[in-house]
Amino acid sequence: QLQVVESGGGSVQPGGSLRLSCAFSGFTLDYYHIGWFRQAPGKEREAVSCISSGGSPAHYADSVKGRFTISGDSAKNTVYLQMSSLKPEDAGVYYCVRGASGYGCYDFLLGYGLDDWGKGTQVTVSS
């Protein structure tokens, strides 16, 4: 059964770090790209990062480049999002999303070919 479950959210001060995890089942990283979206209250959802099938390369939204790192562990069926130098504008609900077959990370970051969503994990960044 296909399942995507996020964890690792929490509250952190500006400049701090968090690592989100996305545990999935029913598919493998070898054949599907997967990544993260986020949504802040009152704002549209925003693509954050995507990792291509096979585990590389990684892709990032300009707003998080140099601060966030996505990685995958095929043996554990888990994808991680290491977030550093967090800013208040990084706050929101972070969703792990599996990309649809026939699409890639380029489409993912544009919001196309999004197949299966987790329920999300809350990230709060405030002093």
Foldseek 3Di string as FASTA:
>chain_A
DWAKAKDWADEEAQQAKTKMKIAIDDDFLQQWKKAKWWDAPPGDIAGAKIAWRVWDDIDGDPVQPPFWDWTDDRVRNMIMIIGGSDDQVVWGWMKMWIFAPPDTVVCVRVPPRTDDIYPTDGHGYHD
